[in-house]
Each structure stands twice: as structure tokens, then as C-alpha cells.
Amino acid sequence: MAQIVDARGLSCPQPVLMTMQEIKKTGKGQIEVLVDTDTSKENVSRAAASQGWQVGNISAEGEGYRILIKKDA
């Protein structure tokens, strides 16, 4: 089951910082990041990719987005 980072309602750089914390804590697997702005979506995706994580599905959800990032062992 994916870890969930709920960064809705927060402005950058908070969603990126929360995502990076979870990436460090988790190390591998799947993380779902919930954001509510295009800027946060782009920044979180870029930050995850820079750490070697794959950005999977990005789906619009309500007022925001659900970003699935994953990293195998």
C-alpha cells in the first residue's frame, strides 16, 4: 500500500519538502502525493524524479491532483 502525503492547501515549497521527507523515510515503494495547484504538481514531480523516483500516474482529483511516484528496490 502506498504512503500518502497530503499537501493540499499548502503553497510551495511545502509540498516538495513534505514529499522529500517521505522519500527519505520510505526509501522505496510507492508514495501518493495530493496537491491542489499546477505549480505544486510540477515541482513535486520534478523533485521526485531528481531523487531517482519514477513519476507514474498523475490524475486530476476534485480541485487538485493525485501524483503516484514509485521506486523499486
PDB file of N, CA and C in Angstrom:
ATOM      1  N   MET A   1       0.836  -1.195   0.000  1.00  0.00           N
ATOM      2  CA  MET A   1       0.000   0.000   0.000  1.00  0.00           C
ATOM      3  C   MET A   1       0.880   1.258   0.000  1.00  0.00           C
ATOM      4  N   ALA A   2       0.476   2.219  -0.777  1.00  0.00           N
ATOM      5  CA  ALA A   2       1.261   3.448  -0.928  1.00  0.00           C
ATOM      6  C   ALA A   2       1.122   4.336   0.311  1.00  0.00           C
ATOM      7  N   GLN A   3       2.210   5.000   0.646  1.00  0.00           N
ATOM      8  CA  GLN A   3       2.179   6.041   1.659  1.00  0.00           C
ATOM      9  C   GLN A   3       1.471   7.241   1.026  1.00  0.00           C
ATOM     10  N   ILE A   4       0.811   8.052   1.827  1.00  0.00           N
ATOM     11  CA  ILE A   4       0.116   9.219   1.287  1.00  0.00           C
ATOM     12  C   ILE A   4       0.668  10.491   1.930  1.00  0.00           C
ATOM     13  N   VAL A   5       1.026  11.445   1.070  1.00  0.00           N
ATOM     14  CA  VAL A   5       1.450  12.769   1.534  1.00  0.00           C
ATOM     15  C   VAL A   5       0.345  13.726   1.097  1.00  0.00           C
ATOM     16  N   ASP A   6      -0.373  14.279   2.057  1.00  0.00           N
ATOM     17  CA  ASP A   6      -1.465  15.197   1.730  1.00  0.00           C
ATOM     18  C   ASP A   6      -0.965  16.630   1.889  1.00  0.00           C
ATOM     19  N   ALA A   7      -0.648  17.250   0.739  1.00  0.00           N
ATOM     20  CA  ALA A   7      -0.121  18.616   0.764  1.00  0.00           C
ATOM     21  C   ALA A   7      -1.121  19.603   0.178  1.00  0.00           C
ATOM     22  N   ARG A   8      -2.390  19.213   0.168  1.00  0.00           N
ATOM     23  CA  ARG A   8      -3.416  20.127  -0.351  1.00  0.00           C
ATOM     24  C   ARG A   8      -3.538  21.334   0.564  1.00  0.00           C
ATOM     25  N   GLY A   9      -3.720  22.489  -0.053  1.00  0.00           N
ATOM     26  CA  GLY A   9      -3.888  23.715   0.711  1.00  0.00           C
ATOM     27  C   GLY A   9      -2.579  24.374   1.111  1.00  0.00           C
ATOM     28  N   LEU A  10      -1.466  23.740   0.769  1.00  0.00           N
ATOM     29  CA  LEU A  10      -0.157  24.295   1.120  1.00  0.00           C
ATOM     30  C   LEU A  10       0.506  24.863  -0.122  1.00  0.00           C
ATOM     31  N   SER A  11       1.265  25.937   0.059  1.00  0.00           N
ATOM     32  CA  SER A  11       1.947  26.524  -1.093  1.00  0.00           C
ATOM     33  C   SER A  11       3.409  26.085  -1.099  1.00  0.00           C
ATOM     34  N   CYS A  12       4.010  26.144  -2.264  1.00  0.00           N
ATOM     35  CA  CYS A  12       5.412  25.741  -2.405  1.00  0.00           C
ATOM     36  C   CYS A  12       6.283  26.641  -1.537  1.00  0.00           C
ATOM     37  N   PRO A  13       7.331  26.096  -0.936  1.00  0.00           N
ATOM     38  CA  PRO A  13       7.891  24.765  -1.217  1.00  0.00           C
ATOM     39  C   PRO A  13       7.375  23.657  -0.308  1.00  0.00           C
ATOM     40  N   GLN A  14       6.348  23.898   0.478  1.00  0.00           N
ATOM     41  CA  GLN A  14       5.890  22.918   1.463  1.00  0.00           C
ATOM     42  C   GLN A  14       5.577  21.532   0.874  1.00  0.00           C
ATOM     43  N   PRO A  15       4.814  21.433  -0.223  1.00  0.00           N
ATOM     44  CA  PRO A  15       4.535  20.094  -0.779  1.00  0.00           C
ATOM     45  C   PRO A  15       5.812  19.352  -1.188  1.00  0.00           C
ATOM     46  N   VAL A  16       6.783  20.075  -1.747  1.00  0.00           N
ATOM     47  CA  VAL A  16       8.045  19.451  -2.150  1.00  0.00           C
ATOM     48  C   VAL A  16       8.804  18.970  -0.914  1.00  0.00           C
ATOM     49  N   LEU A  17       8.868  19.791   0.115  1.00  0.00           N
ATOM     50  CA  LEU A  17       9.575  19.406   1.337  1.00  0.00           C
ATOM     51  C   LEU A  17       8.935  18.182   1.988  1.00  0.00           C
ATOM     52  N   MET A  18       7.609  18.151   2.025  1.00  0.00           N
ATOM     53  CA  MET A  18       6.905  17.005   2.606  1.00  0.00           C
ATOM     54  C   MET A  18       7.174  15.739   1.796  1.00  0.00           C
ATOM     55  N   THR A  19       7.179  15.880   0.470  1.00  0.00           N
ATOM     56  CA  THR A  19       7.441  14.731  -0.400  1.00  0.00           C
ATOM     57  C   THR A  19       8.862  14.225  -0.199  1.00  0.00           C
ATOM     58  N   MET A  20       9.823  15.144  -0.126  1.00  0.00           N
ATOM     59  CA  MET A  20      11.225  14.754   0.059  1.00  0.00           C
ATOM     60  C   MET A  20      11.424  14.052   1.408  1.00  0.00           C
ATOM     61  N   GLN A  21      10.735  14.518   2.435  1.00  0.00           N
ATOM     62  CA  GLN A  21      10.808  13.862   3.751  1.00  0.00           C
ATOM     63  C   GLN A  21      10.323  12.424   3.643  1.00  0.00           C
ATOM     64  N   GLU A  22       9.200  12.230   2.952  1.00  0.00           N
ATOM     65  CA  GLU A  22       8.625  10.892   2.815  1.00  0.00           C
ATOM     66  C   GLU A  22       9.533   9.993   1.977  1.00  0.00           C
ATOM     67  N   ILE A  23      10.145  10.560   0.930  1.00  0.00           N
ATOM     68  CA  ILE A  23      11.078   9.803   0.087  1.00  0.00           C
ATOM     69  C   ILE A  23      12.259   9.313   0.936  1.00  0.00           C
ATOM     70  N   LYS A  24      12.800  10.186   1.764  1.00  0.00           N
ATOM     71  CA  LYS A  24      13.932   9.803   2.623  1.00  0.00           C
ATOM     72  C   LYS A  24      13.511   8.729   3.628  1.00  0.00           C
ATOM     73  N   LYS A  25      12.316   8.887   4.189  1.00  0.00           N
ATOM     74  CA  LYS A  25      11.823   7.959   5.202  1.00  0.00           C
ATOM     75  C   LYS A  25      11.498   6.591   4.590  1.00  0.00           C
ATOM     76  N   THR A  26      10.889   6.604   3.418  1.00  0.00           N
ATOM     77  CA  THR A  26      10.401   5.379   2.795  1.00  0.00           C
ATOM     78  C   THR A  26      11.514   4.629   2.059  1.00  0.00           C
ATOM     79  N   GLY A  27      12.334   5.362   1.315  1.00  0.00           N
ATOM     80  CA  GLY A  27      13.442   4.740   0.602  1.00  0.00           C
ATOM     81  C   GLY A  27      13.063   4.099  -0.719  1.00  0.00           C
ATOM     82  N   LYS A  28      11.954   3.356  -0.719  1.00  0.00           N
ATOM     83  CA  LYS A  28      11.473   2.727  -1.952  1.00  0.00           C
ATOM     84  C   LYS A  28      10.002   2.396  -1.783  1.00  0.00           C
ATOM     85  N   GLY A  29       9.380   1.953  -2.865  1.00  0.00           N
ATOM     86  CA  GLY A  29       7.963   1.613  -2.823  1.00  0.00           C
ATOM     87  C   GLY A  29       7.138   2.648  -3.558  1.00  0.00           C
ATOM     88  N   GLN A  30       5.947   2.915  -3.043  1.00  0.00           N
ATOM     89  CA  GLN A  30       5.054   3.864  -3.691  1.00  0.00           C
ATOM     90  C   GLN A  30       4.619   4.942  -2.707  1.00  0.00           C
ATOM     91  N   ILE A  31       4.535   6.143  -3.236  1.00  0.00           N
ATOM     92  CA  ILE A  31       4.026   7.272  -2.444  1.00  0.00           C
ATOM     93  C   ILE A  31       2.995   7.996  -3.299  1.00  0.00           C
ATOM     94  N   GLU A  32       1.856   8.312  -2.713  1.00  0.00           N
ATOM     95  CA  GLU A  32       0.854   9.137  -3.382  1.00  0.00           C
ATOM     96  C   GLU A  32       0.936  10.521  -2.765  1.00  0.00           C
ATOM     97  N   VAL A  33       1.075  11.513  -3.627  1.00  0.00           N
ATOM     98  CA  VAL A  33       1.153  12.898  -3.155  1.00  0.00           C
ATOM     99  C   VAL A  33      -0.087  13.640  -3.635  1.00  0.00           C
ATOM    100  N   LEU A  34      -0.799  14.256  -2.718  1.00  0.00           N
ATOM    101  CA  LEU A  34      -2.006  15.015  -3.051  1.00  0.00           C
ATOM    102  C   LEU A  34      -1.670  16.504  -3.007  1.00  0.00           C
ATOM    103  N   VAL A  35      -1.878  17.187  -4.118  1.00  0.00           N
ATOM    104  CA  VAL A  35      -1.620  18.632  -4.192  1.00  0.00           C
ATOM    105  C   VAL A  35      -2.810  19.303  -4.870  1.00  0.00           C
ATOM    106  N   ASP A  36      -2.886  20.624  -4.758  1.00  0.00           N
ATOM    107  CA  ASP A  36      -4.031  21.303  -5.361  1.00  0.00           C
ATOM    108  C   ASP A  36      -3.664  22.454  -6.291  1.00  0.00           C
ATOM    109  N   THR A  37      -2.399  22.522  -6.733  1.00  0.00           N
ATOM    110  CA  THR A  37      -2.041  23.537  -7.727  1.00  0.00           C
ATOM    111  C   THR A  37      -1.155  22.920  -8.812  1.00  0.00           C
ATOM    112  N   ASP A  38      -1.193  23.516  -9.988  1.00  0.00           N
ATOM    113  CA  ASP A  38      -0.335  23.067 -11.089  1.00  0.00           C
ATOM    114  C   ASP A  38       1.135  23.209 -10.714  1.00  0.00           C
ATOM    115  N   THR A  39       1.473  24.308 -10.047  1.00  0.00           N
ATOM    116  CA  THR A  39       2.855  24.556  -9.657  1.00  0.00           C
ATOM    117  C   THR A  39       3.357  23.454  -8.730  1.00  0.00           C
ATOM    118  N   SER A  40       2.566  23.104  -7.738  1.00  0.00           N
ATOM    119  CA  SER A  40       2.957  22.035  -6.815  1.00  0.00           C
ATOM    120  C   SER A  40       3.095  20.714  -7.555  1.00  0.00           C
ATOM    121  N   LYS A  41       2.176  20.448  -8.480  1.00  0.00           N
ATOM    122  CA  LYS A  41       2.237  19.206  -9.267  1.00  0.00           C
ATOM    123  C   LYS A  41       3.558  19.119 -10.020  1.00  0.00           C
ATOM    124  N   GLU A  42       3.932  20.196 -10.696  1.00  0.00           N
ATOM    125  CA  GLU A  42       5.180  20.215 -11.474  1.00  0.00           C
ATOM    126  C   GLU A  42       6.396  20.098 -10.559  1.00  0.00           C
ATOM    127  N   ASN A  43       6.413  20.864  -9.470  1.00  0.00           N
ATOM    128  CA  ASN A  43       7.572  20.867  -8.577  1.00  0.00           C
ATOM    129  C   ASN A  43       7.770  19.540  -7.864  1.00  0.00           C
ATOM    130  N   VAL A  44       6.681  18.932  -7.409  1.00  0.00           N
ATOM    131  CA  VAL A  44       6.772  17.632  -6.733  1.00  0.00           C
ATOM    132  C   VAL A  44       7.258  16.572  -7.717  1.00  0.00           C
ATOM    133  N   SER A  45       6.722  16.591  -8.933  1.00  0.00           N
ATOM    134  CA  SER A  45       7.132  15.611  -9.951  1.00  0.00           C
ATOM    135  C   SER A  45       8.619  15.753 -10.261  1.00  0.00           C
ATOM    136  N   ARG A  46       9.069  16.985 -10.428  1.00  0.00           N
ATOM    137  CA  ARG A  46      10.480  17.243 -10.748  1.00  0.00           C
ATOM    138  C   ARG A  46      11.391  16.806  -9.588  1.00  0.00           C
ATOM    139  N   ALA A  47      10.986  17.124  -8.364  1.00  0.00           N
ATOM    140  CA  ALA A  47      11.792  16.770  -7.192  1.00  0.00           C
ATOM    141  C   ALA A  47      11.897  15.251  -7.040  1.00  0.00           C
ATOM    142  N   ALA A  48      10.787  14.555  -7.230  1.00  0.00           N
ATOM    143  CA  ALA A  48      10.796  13.092  -7.114  1.00  0.00           C
ATOM    144  C   ALA A  48      11.704  12.477  -8.170  1.00  0.00           C
ATOM    145  N   ALA A  49      11.600  12.963  -9.405  1.00  0.00           N
ATOM    146  CA  ALA A  49      12.432  12.445 -10.498  1.00  0.00           C
ATOM    147  C   ALA A  49      13.908  12.688 -10.210  1.00  0.00           C
ATOM    148  N   SER A  50      14.226  13.828  -9.598  1.00  0.00           N
ATOM    149  CA  SER A  50      15.625  14.151  -9.299  1.00  0.00           C
ATOM    150  C   SER A  50      16.209  13.203  -8.256  1.00  0.00           C
ATOM    151  N   GLN A  51      15.351  12.541  -7.498  1.00  0.00           N
ATOM    152  CA  GLN A  51      15.800  11.583  -6.484  1.00  0.00           C
ATOM    153  C   GLN A  51      15.781  10.147  -7.011  1.00  0.00           C
ATOM    154  N   GLY A  52      15.517   9.994  -8.316  1.00  0.00           N
ATOM    155  CA  GLY A  52      15.525   8.666  -8.909  1.00  0.00           C
ATOM    156  C   GLY A  52      14.195   7.936  -8.817  1.00  0.00           C
ATOM    157  N   TRP A  53      13.150   8.649  -8.449  1.00  0.00           N
ATOM    158  CA  TRP A  53      11.817   8.035  -8.369  1.00  0.00           C
ATOM    159  C   TRP A  53      11.114   8.207  -9.711  1.00  0.00           C
ATOM    160  N   GLN A  54      10.293   7.226 -10.059  1.00  0.00           N
ATOM    161  CA  GLN A  54       9.516   7.315 -11.290  1.00  0.00           C
ATOM    162  C   GLN A  54       8.194   7.998 -10.979  1.00  0.00           C
ATOM    163  N   VAL A  55       7.856   8.962 -11.815  1.00  0.00           N
ATOM    164  CA  VAL A  55       6.562   9.622 -11.665  1.00  0.00           C
ATOM    165  C   VAL A  55       5.584   8.830 -12.517  1.00  0.00           C
ATOM    166  N   GLY A  56       4.642   8.197 -11.852  1.00  0.00           N
ATOM    167  CA  GLY A  56       3.673   7.365 -12.559  1.00  0.00           C
ATOM    168  C   GLY A  56       2.451   8.178 -12.941  1.00  0.00           C
ATOM    169  N   ASN A  57       1.341   7.721 -12.497  1.00  0.00           N
ATOM    170  CA  ASN A  57       0.067   8.319 -12.848  1.00  0.00           C
ATOM    171  C   ASN A  57      -0.138   9.662 -12.135  1.00  0.00           C
ATOM    172  N   ILE A  58      -0.529  10.675 -12.895  1.00  0.00           N
ATOM    173  CA  ILE A  58      -0.948  11.949 -12.296  1.00  0.00           C
ATOM    174  C   ILE A  58      -2.407  12.122 -12.691  1.00  0.00           C
ATOM    175  N   SER A  59      -3.292  12.056 -11.719  1.00  0.00           N
ATOM    176  CA  SER A  59      -4.714  12.154 -12.043  1.00  0.00           C
ATOM    177  C   SER A  59      -5.336  13.367 -11.363  1.00  0.00           C
ATOM    178  N   ALA A  60      -6.207  14.026 -12.120  1.00  0.00           N
ATOM    179  CA  ALA A  60      -6.945  15.154 -11.554  1.00  0.00           C
ATOM    180  C   ALA A  60      -7.957  14.580 -10.573  1.00  0.00           C
ATOM    181  N   GLU A  61      -8.048  15.219  -9.425  1.00  0.00           N
ATOM    182  CA  GLU A  61      -8.969  14.728  -8.402  1.00  0.00           C
ATOM    183  C   GLU A  61      -9.601  15.909  -7.688  1.00  0.00           C
ATOM    184  N   GLY A  62     -10.870  16.106  -7.913  1.00  0.00           N
ATOM    185  CA  GLY A  62     -11.538  17.249  -7.307  1.00  0.00           C
ATOM    186  C   GLY A  62     -10.885  18.537  -7.769  1.00  0.00           C
ATOM    187  N   GLU A  63     -10.413  19.331  -6.813  1.00  0.00           N
ATOM    188  CA  GLU A  63      -9.759  20.605  -7.110  1.00  0.00           C
ATOM    189  C   GLU A  63      -8.262  20.446  -7.345  1.00  0.00           C
ATOM    190  N   GLY A  64      -7.741  19.230  -7.187  1.00  0.00           N
ATOM    191  CA  GLY A  64      -6.292  19.071  -7.256  1.00  0.00           C
ATOM    192  C   GLY A  64      -5.843  17.858  -8.042  1.00  0.00           C
ATOM    193  N   TYR A  65      -4.707  17.315  -7.621  1.00  0.00           N
ATOM    194  CA  TYR A  65      -4.085  16.200  -8.334  1.00  0.00           C
ATOM    195  C   TYR A  65      -3.588  15.144  -7.359  1.00  0.00           C
ATOM    196  N   ARG A  66      -3.586  13.906  -7.831  1.00  0.00           N
ATOM    197  CA  ARG A  66      -3.001  12.784  -7.100  1.00  0.00           C
ATOM    198  C   ARG A  66      -1.819  12.315  -7.932  1.00  0.00           C
ATOM    199  N   ILE A  67      -0.623  12.407  -7.369  1.00  0.00           N
ATOM    200  CA  ILE A  67       0.605  12.040  -8.087  1.00  0.00           C
ATOM    201  C   ILE A  67       1.128  10.750  -7.471  1.00  0.00           C
ATOM    202  N   LEU A  68       1.309   9.738  -8.299  1.00  0.00           N
ATOM    203  CA  LEU A  68       1.858   8.476  -7.828  1.00  0.00           C
ATOM    204  C   LEU A  68       3.328   8.417  -8.212  1.00  0.00           C
ATOM    205  N   ILE A  69       4.199   8.302  -7.220  1.00  0.00           N
ATOM    206  CA  ILE A  69       5.624   8.143  -7.505  1.00  0.00           C
ATOM    207  C   ILE A  69       6.069   6.800  -6.941  1.00  0.00           C
ATOM    208  N   LYS A  70       7.027   6.164  -7.600  1.00  0.00           N
ATOM    209  CA  LYS A  70       7.468   4.856  -7.116  1.00  0.00           C
ATOM    210  C   LYS A  70       8.938   4.628  -7.408  1.00  0.00           C
ATOM    211  N   LYS A  71       9.496   3.772  -6.572  1.00  0.00           N
ATOM    212  CA  LYS A  71      10.893   3.397  -6.746  1.00  0.00           C
ATOM    213  C   LYS A  71      11.039   1.947  -6.322  1.00  0.00           C
ATOM    214  N   ASP A  72      11.630   1.146  -7.207  1.00  0.00           N
ATOM    215  CA  ASP A  72      11.870  -0.252  -6.871  1.00  0.00           C
ATOM    216  C   ASP A  72      13.138  -0.339  -6.031  1.00  0.00           C
ATOM    217  N   ALA A  73      13.327  -1.493  -5.447  1.00  0.00           N
ATOM    218  CA  ALA A  73      14.464  -1.694  -4.527  1.00  0.00           C
ATOM    219  C   ALA A  73      15.758  -1.208  -5.051  1.00  0.00           C
TER     220      ALA A  73
END
